[in-house]
Amino acid sequence: MLFAGADRDGVEAGKITAAYRRWAEPRVVEGRIYRTNAGRIEIDSVRQVNPDLISDYDDDIFAADRQNARDVRRRLRGNEDWPTFLIKFHLVEGPDPREELAANAHLTPEDLADLRTALTKLDDLSRHGAWTTATLQAIQANPGTRAADLAAAAGRDTANFKLDVRKLKNLGLTYSLETGYELTPRGRAYLDTL
């Protein structure tokens, strides 16, 4: 989820704890933690609501930092045929474990075994064959290169390539940049072992 302007500031300060979104289907899952442009949030609940039945006296309006029900409806984006969802969440304090993992360049034998197991599983489950090592090496050789260019060089479509790089990021091996990617200290340490 992304938040714009004052909403971003409100979420970051912990003042905003709800949001209304018009989506074809829910894009967040209750109980999961998501990284946003306002910090990490944990989803407390997601439910479909009828925007025409939102009341000016609904506490969720104020939790979303909206003036009234009309303001909620006015700010909804997306296809008007899509359902509207009310997402309740709270800000997660403390460091992001993925960032701590990514910054750790010291790989114990257990860390290395776990990484190899995880990467082998990703390769084995892939419809386009083994990709993890080649992708890490491409990112190392071309930091800051657009995902579309990296995907084309690998003979892959951009959308699936990006999904795969996200899997590497979840293992603490890559960082997303404004344009493209780079290896984390953990990612560089892993490639050094090959």
C-alpha atoms as a PDB file:
ATOM      1  CA  MET A   1       0.000   0.000   0.000  1.00  0.00           C
ATOM      2  CA  LEU A   2       1.183   3.484  -0.786  1.00  0.00           C
ATOM      3  CA  PHE A   3       0.128   6.651   0.966  1.00  0.00           C
ATOM      4  CA  ALA A   4       0.249  10.150  -0.509  1.00  0.00           C
ATOM      5  CA  GLY A   5       1.013  13.523   1.064  1.00  0.00           C
ATOM      6  CA  ALA A   6      -0.612  14.109   4.425  1.00  0.00           C
ATOM      7  CA  ASP A   7      -1.760  10.480   4.575  1.00  0.00           C
ATOM      8  CA  ARG A   8       1.847   9.307   4.428  1.00  0.00           C
ATOM      9  CA  ASP A   9       2.762  11.656   7.285  1.00  0.00           C
ATOM     10  CA  GLY A  10      -0.258  10.524   9.308  1.00  0.00           C
ATOM     11  CA  VAL A  11       0.524   6.829   8.917  1.00  0.00           C
ATOM     12  CA  GLU A  12       4.183   7.438   9.738  1.00  0.00           C
ATOM     13  CA  ALA A  13       3.157   9.275  12.934  1.00  0.00           C
ATOM     14  CA  GLY A  14       0.698   6.519  13.895  1.00  0.00           C
ATOM     15  CA  LYS A  15      -2.235   8.934  13.613  1.00  0.00           C
ATOM     16  CA  ILE A  16      -3.885   7.212  10.623  1.00  0.00           C
ATOM     17  CA  THR A  17      -4.850   3.600  11.290  1.00  0.00           C
ATOM     18  CA  ALA A  18      -7.407   2.934   8.554  1.00  0.00           C
ATOM     19  CA  ALA A  19      -7.704   3.373   4.804  1.00  0.00           C
ATOM     20  CA  TYR A  20     -10.382   2.947   2.181  1.00  0.00           C
ATOM     21  CA  ARG A  21      -9.304   1.429  -1.127  1.00  0.00           C
ATOM     22  CA  ARG A  22     -11.165   0.507  -4.305  1.00  0.00           C
ATOM     23  CA  TRP A  23      -9.571  -2.673  -5.622  1.00  0.00           C
ATOM     24  CA  ALA A  24     -10.659  -5.475  -7.958  1.00  0.00           C
ATOM     25  CA  GLU A  25      -9.737  -7.816  -5.087  1.00  0.00           C
ATOM     26  CA  PRO A  26      -8.042  -7.374  -1.705  1.00  0.00           C
ATOM     27  CA  ARG A  27      -4.328  -6.604  -2.066  1.00  0.00           C
ATOM     28  CA  VAL A  28      -3.436  -7.101   1.588  1.00  0.00           C
ATOM     29  CA  VAL A  29      -3.969  -9.978   4.004  1.00  0.00           C
ATOM     30  CA  GLU A  30      -4.999  -9.728   7.636  1.00  0.00           C
ATOM     31  CA  GLY A  31      -2.110 -10.412  10.006  1.00  0.00           C
ATOM     32  CA  ARG A  32       0.654  -9.682   7.484  1.00  0.00           C
ATOM     33  CA  ILE A  33       3.227  -6.938   7.761  1.00  0.00           C
ATOM     34  CA  TYR A  34       3.792  -4.733   4.714  1.00  0.00           C
ATOM     35  CA  ARG A  35       6.518  -2.249   3.952  1.00  0.00           C
ATOM     36  CA  THR A  36       5.020   1.029   2.788  1.00  0.00           C
ATOM     37  CA  ASN A  37       6.340   4.480   1.963  1.00  0.00           C
ATOM     38  CA  ALA A  38       5.200   5.476   5.478  1.00  0.00           C
ATOM     39  CA  GLY A  39       6.889   2.605   7.337  1.00  0.00           C
ATOM     40  CA  ARG A  40       5.917  -0.961   8.114  1.00  0.00           C
ATOM     41  CA  ILE A  41       2.274  -1.643   8.915  1.00  0.00           C
ATOM     42  CA  GLU A  42       0.499  -4.765  10.146  1.00  0.00           C
ATOM     43  CA  ILE A  43      -2.974  -5.402   8.766  1.00  0.00           C
ATOM     44  CA  ASP A  44      -5.537  -5.839  11.560  1.00  0.00           C
ATOM     45  CA  SER A  45      -8.553  -6.395   9.304  1.00  0.00           C
ATOM     46  CA  VAL A  46      -9.722  -6.126   5.700  1.00  0.00           C
ATOM     47  CA  ARG A  47     -13.397  -6.043   4.846  1.00  0.00           C
ATOM     48  CA  GLN A  48     -15.509  -5.038   1.904  1.00  0.00           C
ATOM     49  CA  VAL A  49     -17.794  -2.058   2.539  1.00  0.00           C
ATOM     50  CA  ASN A  50     -20.498  -0.318   0.576  1.00  0.00           C
ATOM     51  CA  PRO A  51     -19.245   3.263   0.139  1.00  0.00           C
ATOM     52  CA  ASP A  52     -22.846   4.529  -0.115  1.00  0.00           C
ATOM     53  CA  LEU A  53     -23.570   3.217   3.378  1.00  0.00           C
ATOM     54  CA  ILE A  54     -20.588   4.849   5.117  1.00  0.00           C
ATOM     55  CA  SER A  55     -21.898   7.163   7.813  1.00  0.00           C
ATOM     56  CA  ASP A  56     -20.507  10.536   8.831  1.00  0.00           C
ATOM     57  CA  TYR A  57     -20.417   9.169  12.386  1.00  0.00           C
ATOM     58  CA  ASP A  58     -18.357   6.096  11.566  1.00  0.00           C
ATOM     59  CA  ASP A  59     -15.164   6.015  13.681  1.00  0.00           C
ATOM     60  CA  ASP A  60     -13.266   4.519  10.734  1.00  0.00           C
ATOM     61  CA  ILE A  61     -13.643   7.804   8.843  1.00  0.00           C
ATOM     62  CA  PHE A  62     -11.645   9.571  11.529  1.00  0.00           C
ATOM     63  CA  ALA A  63      -9.111   6.724  11.761  1.00  0.00           C
ATOM     64  CA  ALA A  64      -8.553   7.273   8.011  1.00  0.00           C
ATOM     65  CA  ASP A  65      -8.230  11.048   8.608  1.00  0.00           C
ATOM     66  CA  ARG A  66     -11.232  11.892   6.446  1.00  0.00           C
ATOM     67  CA  GLN A  67     -13.663  14.747   7.156  1.00  0.00           C
ATOM     68  CA  ASN A  68     -16.869  12.837   6.434  1.00  0.00           C
ATOM     69  CA  ALA A  69     -18.367  10.034   4.327  1.00  0.00           C
ATOM     70  CA  ARG A  70     -18.498  12.262   1.249  1.00  0.00           C
ATOM     71  CA  ASP A  71     -14.760  12.926   1.601  1.00  0.00           C
ATOM     72  CA  VAL A  72     -14.119   9.162   1.717  1.00  0.00           C
ATOM     73  CA  ARG A  73     -16.122   8.574  -1.473  1.00  0.00           C
ATOM     74  CA  ARG A  74     -14.538  11.561  -3.251  1.00  0.00           C
ATOM     75  CA  ARG A  75     -11.014  10.249  -2.639  1.00  0.00           C
ATOM     76  CA  LEU A  76     -11.615   6.689  -3.841  1.00  0.00           C
ATOM     77  CA  ARG A  77      -9.563   5.852  -6.936  1.00  0.00           C
ATOM     78  CA  GLY A  78      -9.806   3.030  -9.453  1.00  0.00           C
ATOM     79  CA  ASN A  79     -12.612   1.505 -11.446  1.00  0.00           C
ATOM     80  CA  GLU A  80     -16.002   2.459  -9.981  1.00  0.00           C
ATOM     81  CA  ASP A  81     -17.230  -1.102 -10.578  1.00  0.00           C
ATOM     82  CA  TRP A  82     -14.603  -2.466  -8.174  1.00  0.00           C
ATOM     83  CA  PRO A  83     -15.510  -3.146  -4.556  1.00  0.00           C
ATOM     84  CA  THR A  84     -14.389  -0.816  -1.781  1.00  0.00           C
ATOM     85  CA  PHE A  85     -12.364  -2.196   1.121  1.00  0.00           C
ATOM     86  CA  LEU A  86     -11.787  -0.820   4.603  1.00  0.00           C
ATOM     87  CA  ILE A  87      -8.305  -1.724   5.787  1.00  0.00           C
ATOM     88  CA  LYS A  88      -7.444  -1.299   9.473  1.00  0.00           C
ATOM     89  CA  PHE A  89      -3.804  -1.438  10.460  1.00  0.00           C
ATOM     90  CA  HIS A  90      -1.221  -0.284  12.938  1.00  0.00           C
ATOM     91  CA  LEU A  91       2.343   0.945  12.554  1.00  0.00           C
ATOM     92  CA  VAL A  92       5.027  -1.616  13.381  1.00  0.00           C
ATOM     93  CA  GLU A  93       7.846  -0.111  15.404  1.00  0.00           C
ATOM     94  CA  GLY A  94      11.449  -1.250  15.406  1.00  0.00           C
ATOM     95  CA  PRO A  95      13.926  -2.264  12.741  1.00  0.00           C
ATOM     96  CA  ASP A  96      12.859  -4.243   9.702  1.00  0.00           C
ATOM     97  CA  PRO A  97      14.254  -7.794  10.086  1.00  0.00           C
ATOM     98  CA  ARG A  98      14.845  -7.956   6.318  1.00  0.00           C
ATOM     99  CA  GLU A  99      17.110  -4.909   6.489  1.00  0.00           C
ATOM    100  CA  GLU A 100      19.067  -6.383   9.379  1.00  0.00           C
ATOM    101  CA  LEU A 101      19.390  -9.664   7.485  1.00  0.00           C
ATOM    102  CA  ALA A 102      20.491  -7.892   4.291  1.00  0.00           C
ATOM    103  CA  ALA A 103      23.188  -5.916   6.113  1.00  0.00           C
ATOM    104  CA  ASN A 104      24.785  -9.013   7.627  1.00  0.00           C
ATOM    105  CA  ALA A 105      27.695 -10.105   5.432  1.00  0.00           C
ATOM    106  CA  HIS A 106      28.861 -12.807   7.853  1.00  0.00           C
ATOM    107  CA  LEU A 107      27.389 -16.112   6.699  1.00  0.00           C
ATOM    108  CA  THR A 108      27.712 -18.982   9.149  1.00  0.00           C
ATOM    109  CA  PRO A 109      27.758 -22.516   7.736  1.00  0.00           C
ATOM    110  CA  GLU A 110      24.113 -22.814   8.866  1.00  0.00           C
ATOM    111  CA  ASP A 111      23.190 -19.538   7.116  1.00  0.00           C
ATOM    112  CA  LEU A 112      24.846 -20.731   3.932  1.00  0.00           C
ATOM    113  CA  ALA A 113      23.103 -24.122   4.068  1.00  0.00           C
ATOM    114  CA  ASP A 114      19.725 -22.414   4.638  1.00  0.00           C
ATOM    115  CA  LEU A 115      20.320 -20.008   1.740  1.00  0.00           C
ATOM    116  CA  ARG A 116      21.350 -22.783  -0.615  1.00  0.00           C
ATOM    117  CA  THR A 117      18.271 -24.794   0.336  1.00  0.00           C
ATOM    118  CA  ALA A 118      15.962 -21.806  -0.213  1.00  0.00           C
ATOM    119  CA  LEU A 119      17.547 -20.887  -3.556  1.00  0.00           C
ATOM    120  CA  THR A 120      17.508 -24.478  -4.786  1.00  0.00           C
ATOM    121  CA  LYS A 121      13.809 -24.664  -3.927  1.00  0.00           C
ATOM    122  CA  LEU A 122      13.135 -21.460  -5.898  1.00  0.00           C
ATOM    123  CA  ASP A 123      15.038 -22.874  -8.866  1.00  0.00           C
ATOM    124  CA  ASP A 124      13.238 -26.227  -8.661  1.00  0.00           C
ATOM    125  CA  LEU A 125       9.781 -24.613  -8.512  1.00  0.00           C
ATOM    126  CA  SER A 126      10.477 -22.306 -11.432  1.00  0.00           C
ATOM    127  CA  ARG A 127       8.761 -22.822 -14.776  1.00  0.00           C
ATOM    128  CA  HIS A 128      11.722 -21.308 -16.615  1.00  0.00           C
ATOM    129  CA  GLY A 129      14.500 -23.325 -14.997  1.00  0.00           C
ATOM    130  CA  ALA A 130      17.237 -22.356 -12.559  1.00  0.00           C
ATOM    131  CA  TRP A 131      17.431 -18.568 -12.308  1.00  0.00           C
ATOM    132  CA  THR A 132      18.629 -17.506  -8.852  1.00  0.00           C
ATOM    133  CA  THR A 133      22.409 -17.507  -9.344  1.00  0.00           C
ATOM    134  CA  ALA A 134      22.223 -16.001 -12.833  1.00  0.00           C
ATOM    135  CA  THR A 135      19.932 -13.233 -11.569  1.00  0.00           C
ATOM    136  CA  LEU A 136      22.202 -12.431  -8.624  1.00  0.00           C
ATOM    137  CA  GLN A 137      25.217 -12.335 -10.937  1.00  0.00           C
ATOM    138  CA  ALA A 138      23.387 -10.077 -13.421  1.00  0.00           C
ATOM    139  CA  ILE A 139      22.465  -7.651 -10.648  1.00  0.00           C
ATOM    140  CA  GLN A 140      26.034  -7.692  -9.317  1.00  0.00           C
ATOM    141  CA  ALA A 141      27.421  -6.948 -12.783  1.00  0.00           C
ATOM    142  CA  ASN A 142      24.788  -4.287 -13.577  1.00  0.00           C
ATOM    143  CA  PRO A 143      23.719  -2.427 -10.426  1.00  0.00           C
ATOM    144  CA  GLY A 144      21.081   0.240 -10.999  1.00  0.00           C
ATOM    145  CA  THR A 145      20.027  -1.225 -14.351  1.00  0.00           C
ATOM    146  CA  ARG A 146      16.323  -1.099 -15.182  1.00  0.00           C
ATOM    147  CA  ALA A 147      14.431  -4.315 -14.449  1.00  0.00           C
ATOM    148  CA  ALA A 148      13.141  -4.357 -18.033  1.00  0.00           C
ATOM    149  CA  ASP A 149      16.717  -4.328 -19.367  1.00  0.00           C
ATOM    150  CA  LEU A 150      17.877  -7.067 -16.993  1.00  0.00           C
ATOM    151  CA  ALA A 151      14.823  -9.163 -17.874  1.00  0.00           C
ATOM    152  CA  ALA A 152      15.387  -8.714 -21.610  1.00  0.00           C
ATOM    153  CA  ALA A 153      19.041  -9.724 -21.268  1.00  0.00           C
ATOM    154  CA  ALA A 154      17.896 -12.900 -19.501  1.00  0.00           C
ATOM    155  CA  GLY A 155      15.204 -13.550 -22.120  1.00  0.00           C
ATOM    156  CA  ARG A 156      12.414 -13.072 -19.575  1.00  0.00           C
ATOM    157  CA  ASP A 157       9.338 -10.884 -19.259  1.00  0.00           C
ATOM    158  CA  THR A 158       9.683  -7.945 -16.879  1.00  0.00           C
ATOM    159  CA  ALA A 159       6.750  -8.687 -14.549  1.00  0.00           C
ATOM    160  CA  ASN A 160       7.884 -12.221 -13.672  1.00  0.00           C
ATOM    161  CA  PHE A 161      11.492 -11.106 -13.435  1.00  0.00           C
ATOM    162  CA  LYS A 162      10.507  -8.480 -10.849  1.00  0.00           C
ATOM    163  CA  LEU A 163       8.572 -11.083  -8.854  1.00  0.00           C
ATOM    164  CA  ASP A 164      11.634 -13.298  -8.790  1.00  0.00           C
ATOM    165  CA  VAL A 165      13.898 -10.462  -7.652  1.00  0.00           C
ATOM    166  CA  ARG A 166      11.419  -9.770  -4.846  1.00  0.00           C
ATOM    167  CA  LYS A 167      11.927 -13.378  -3.696  1.00  0.00           C
ATOM    168  CA  LEU A 168      15.670 -12.704  -3.542  1.00  0.00           C
ATOM    169  CA  LYS A 169      14.980  -9.495  -1.623  1.00  0.00           C
ATOM    170  CA  ASN A 170      12.912 -11.444   0.916  1.00  0.00           C
ATOM    171  CA  LEU A 171      15.983 -13.603   1.520  1.00  0.00           C
ATOM    172  CA  GLY A 172      18.038 -10.467   2.187  1.00  0.00           C
ATOM    173  CA  LEU A 173      20.093 -10.749  -1.013  1.00  0.00           C
ATOM    174  CA  THR A 174      19.051  -7.678  -3.027  1.00  0.00           C
ATOM    175  CA  TYR A 175      18.046  -4.058  -2.510  1.00  0.00           C
ATOM    176  CA  SER A 176      15.598  -2.209  -4.732  1.00  0.00           C
ATOM    177  CA  LEU A 177      16.943   1.120  -5.947  1.00  0.00           C
ATOM    178  CA  GLU A 178      15.101   4.062  -7.497  1.00  0.00           C
ATOM    179  CA  THR A 179      16.056   2.392 -10.785  1.00  0.00           C
ATOM    180  CA  GLY A 180      17.024  -1.257 -10.752  1.00  0.00           C
ATOM    181  CA  TYR A 181      18.665  -3.250  -7.987  1.00  0.00           C
ATOM    182  CA  GLU A 182      21.933  -3.930  -6.230  1.00  0.00           C
ATOM    183  CA  LEU A 183      23.218  -6.762  -4.094  1.00  0.00           C
ATOM    184  CA  THR A 184      23.134  -6.418  -0.338  1.00  0.00           C
ATOM    185  CA  PRO A 185      26.201  -7.236   1.756  1.00  0.00           C
ATOM    186  CA  ARG A 186      24.572 -10.620   2.373  1.00  0.00           C
ATOM    187  CA  GLY A 187      24.037 -11.103  -1.374  1.00  0.00           C
ATOM    188  CA  ARG A 188      27.663 -10.251  -2.149  1.00  0.00           C
ATOM    189  CA  ALA A 189      28.865 -12.603   0.617  1.00  0.00           C
ATOM    190  CA  TYR A 190      26.734 -15.396  -0.806  1.00  0.00           C
ATOM    191  CA  LEU A 191      28.082 -14.966  -4.345  1.00  0.00           C
ATOM    192  CA  ASP A 192      31.625 -14.927  -2.947  1.00  0.00           C
ATOM    193  CA  THR A 193      31.059 -18.484  -1.703  1.00  0.00           C
ATOM    194  CA  LEU A 194      30.269 -19.825  -5.170  1.00  0.00           C
END
